[in-house]
Amino acid sequence: MSDRQLLEQILELTKQNQQGILELKDDVADLKVRVTNIEKTMLCKNDLKYY
């Protein structure tokens, strides 16, 4: 394998890693919003003292 081919392969793998990281960041951002919404609406221990 030539140096050029090796560099091209490394570049392609780097691009794939970057895409994967971006997808994970989107997933984490979505989960963060969902957890925040759940926390806003969930019952707490103090809420249950009434019952």
N, C-alpha and C. Protein backbone atom coordinates (compact mmCIF):
# COMPACT_ATOMS: atom_id res chain seq x y z
N MET A 1 0.87 -1.18 0.00
CA MET A 1 0.00 0.00 0.00
C MET A 1 0.90 1.23 0.00
N SER A 2 0.62 2.13 -0.91
CA SER A 2 1.44 3.34 -1.00
C SER A 2 1.05 4.34 0.09
N ASP A 3 1.92 5.30 0.28
CA ASP A 3 1.65 6.34 1.28
C ASP A 3 0.38 7.10 0.94
N ARG A 4 0.18 7.34 -0.35
CA ARG A 4 -1.02 8.08 -0.77
C ARG A 4 -2.29 7.30 -0.44
N GLN A 5 -2.29 6.01 -0.72
CA GLN A 5 -3.44 5.17 -0.43
C GLN A 5 -3.71 5.11 1.07
N LEU A 6 -2.64 5.02 1.84
CA LEU A 6 -2.78 4.98 3.29
C LEU A 6 -3.39 6.28 3.82
N LEU A 7 -2.91 7.40 3.29
CA LEU A 7 -3.46 8.70 3.71
C LEU A 7 -4.93 8.84 3.31
N GLU A 8 -5.27 8.35 2.12
CA GLU A 8 -6.67 8.41 1.68
C GLU A 8 -7.56 7.54 2.57
N GLN A 9 -7.05 6.39 2.96
CA GLN A 9 -7.80 5.50 3.84
C GLN A 9 -7.99 6.14 5.22
N ILE A 10 -6.94 6.76 5.74
CA ILE A 10 -7.02 7.44 7.03
C ILE A 10 -8.01 8.60 6.94
N LEU A 11 -7.97 9.32 5.85
CA LEU A 11 -8.89 10.45 5.66
C LEU A 11 -10.34 9.95 5.62
N GLU A 12 -10.59 8.86 4.92
CA GLU A 12 -11.95 8.31 4.84
C GLU A 12 -12.43 7.84 6.20
N LEU A 13 -11.57 7.16 6.94
CA LEU A 13 -11.94 6.71 8.29
C LEU A 13 -12.21 7.89 9.21
N THR A 14 -11.44 8.95 9.07
CA THR A 14 -11.63 10.15 9.88
C THR A 14 -12.99 10.78 9.56
N LYS A 15 -13.34 10.83 8.29
CA LYS A 15 -14.65 11.37 7.89
C LYS A 15 -15.78 10.54 8.48
N GLN A 16 -15.62 9.20 8.44
CA GLN A 16 -16.64 8.33 9.00
C GLN A 16 -16.77 8.54 10.51
N ASN A 17 -15.64 8.70 11.18
CA ASN A 17 -15.67 8.96 12.63
C ASN A 17 -16.36 10.27 12.93
N GLN A 18 -16.07 11.29 12.16
CA GLN A 18 -16.69 12.60 12.37
C GLN A 18 -18.20 12.50 12.18
N GLN A 19 -18.64 11.76 11.16
CA GLN A 19 -20.08 11.60 10.92
C GLN A 19 -20.73 10.87 12.09
N GLY A 20 -20.07 9.84 12.58
CA GLY A 20 -20.60 9.10 13.73
C GLY A 20 -20.71 9.98 14.96
N ILE A 21 -19.72 10.80 15.17
CA ILE A 21 -19.73 11.71 16.32
C ILE A 21 -20.87 12.72 16.19
N LEU A 22 -21.07 13.24 15.01
CA LEU A 22 -22.17 14.19 14.79
C LEU A 22 -23.52 13.53 15.05
N GLU A 23 -23.67 12.28 14.62
CA GLU A 23 -24.92 11.57 14.86
C GLU A 23 -25.13 11.35 16.36
N LEU A 24 -24.07 11.00 17.06
CA LEU A 24 -24.17 10.81 18.50
C LEU A 24 -24.52 12.11 19.21
N LYS A 25 -23.93 13.21 18.76
CA LYS A 25 -24.24 14.51 19.37
C LYS A 25 -25.71 14.84 19.19
N ASP A 26 -26.26 14.56 18.00
CA ASP A 26 -27.68 14.80 17.76
C ASP A 26 -28.55 13.94 18.67
N ASP A 27 -28.16 12.66 18.81
CA ASP A 27 -28.92 11.76 19.69
C ASP A 27 -28.88 12.23 21.14
N VAL A 28 -27.71 12.67 21.60
CA VAL A 28 -27.57 13.13 22.98
C VAL A 28 -28.39 14.40 23.19
N ALA A 29 -28.37 15.29 22.23
CA ALA A 29 -29.16 16.53 22.34
C ALA A 29 -30.65 16.20 22.43
N ASP A 30 -31.10 15.25 21.62
CA ASP A 30 -32.50 14.83 21.65
C ASP A 30 -32.85 14.22 23.01
N LEU A 31 -31.99 13.35 23.50
CA LEU A 31 -32.24 12.73 24.80
C LEU A 31 -32.24 13.76 25.93
N LYS A 32 -31.39 14.75 25.82
CA LYS A 32 -31.33 15.81 26.84
C LYS A 32 -32.66 16.55 26.90
N VAL A 33 -33.23 16.85 25.75
CA VAL A 33 -34.52 17.53 25.70
C VAL A 33 -35.60 16.63 26.29
N ARG A 34 -35.57 15.36 25.93
CA ARG A 34 -36.59 14.44 26.44
C ARG A 34 -36.50 14.28 27.96
N VAL A 35 -35.29 14.16 28.49
CA VAL A 35 -35.13 14.02 29.94
C VAL A 35 -35.58 15.30 30.65
N THR A 36 -35.25 16.43 30.09
CA THR A 36 -35.68 17.70 30.69
C THR A 36 -37.20 17.78 30.75
N ASN A 37 -37.86 17.36 29.68
CA ASN A 37 -39.33 17.36 29.67
C ASN A 37 -39.90 16.39 30.69
N ILE A 38 -39.28 15.23 30.83
CA ILE A 38 -39.74 14.26 31.81
C ILE A 38 -39.58 14.81 33.22
N GLU A 39 -38.45 15.43 33.48
CA GLU A 39 -38.21 16.00 34.81
C GLU A 39 -39.22 17.08 35.16
N LYS A 40 -39.66 17.82 34.16
CA LYS A 40 -40.63 18.89 34.41
C LYS A 40 -42.00 18.35 34.79
N THR A 41 -42.33 17.16 34.29
CA THR A 41 -43.69 16.65 34.48
C THR A 41 -43.80 15.49 35.46
N MET A 42 -42.68 14.95 35.89
CA MET A 42 -42.76 13.76 36.75
C MET A 42 -43.13 14.12 38.18
N LEU A 43 -43.70 13.15 38.86
CA LEU A 43 -44.03 13.33 40.26
C LEU A 43 -42.78 13.17 41.12
N CYS A 44 -42.76 13.89 42.21
CA CYS A 44 -41.65 13.78 43.15
C CYS A 44 -42.16 13.18 44.46
N LYS A 45 -41.27 12.85 45.32
CA LYS A 45 -41.64 12.27 46.61
C LYS A 45 -42.57 13.23 47.37
N ASN A 46 -42.27 14.50 47.33
CA ASN A 46 -43.11 15.49 48.00
C ASN A 46 -44.52 15.54 47.44
N ASP A 47 -44.65 15.29 46.14
CA ASP A 47 -45.97 15.27 45.51
C ASP A 47 -46.81 14.12 46.05
N LEU A 48 -46.17 13.03 46.40
CA LEU A 48 -46.88 11.84 46.86
C LEU A 48 -47.26 11.92 48.33
N LYS A 49 -46.70 12.84 49.08
CA LYS A 49 -47.04 12.97 50.51
C LYS A 49 -48.51 13.32 50.68
N TYR A 50 -49.07 14.02 49.72
CA TYR A 50 -50.47 14.41 49.79
C TYR A 50 -51.37 13.17 49.84
N TYR A 51 -50.97 12.16 49.12
CA TYR A 51 -51.79 10.93 49.04
C TYR A 51 -51.41 10.03 50.18
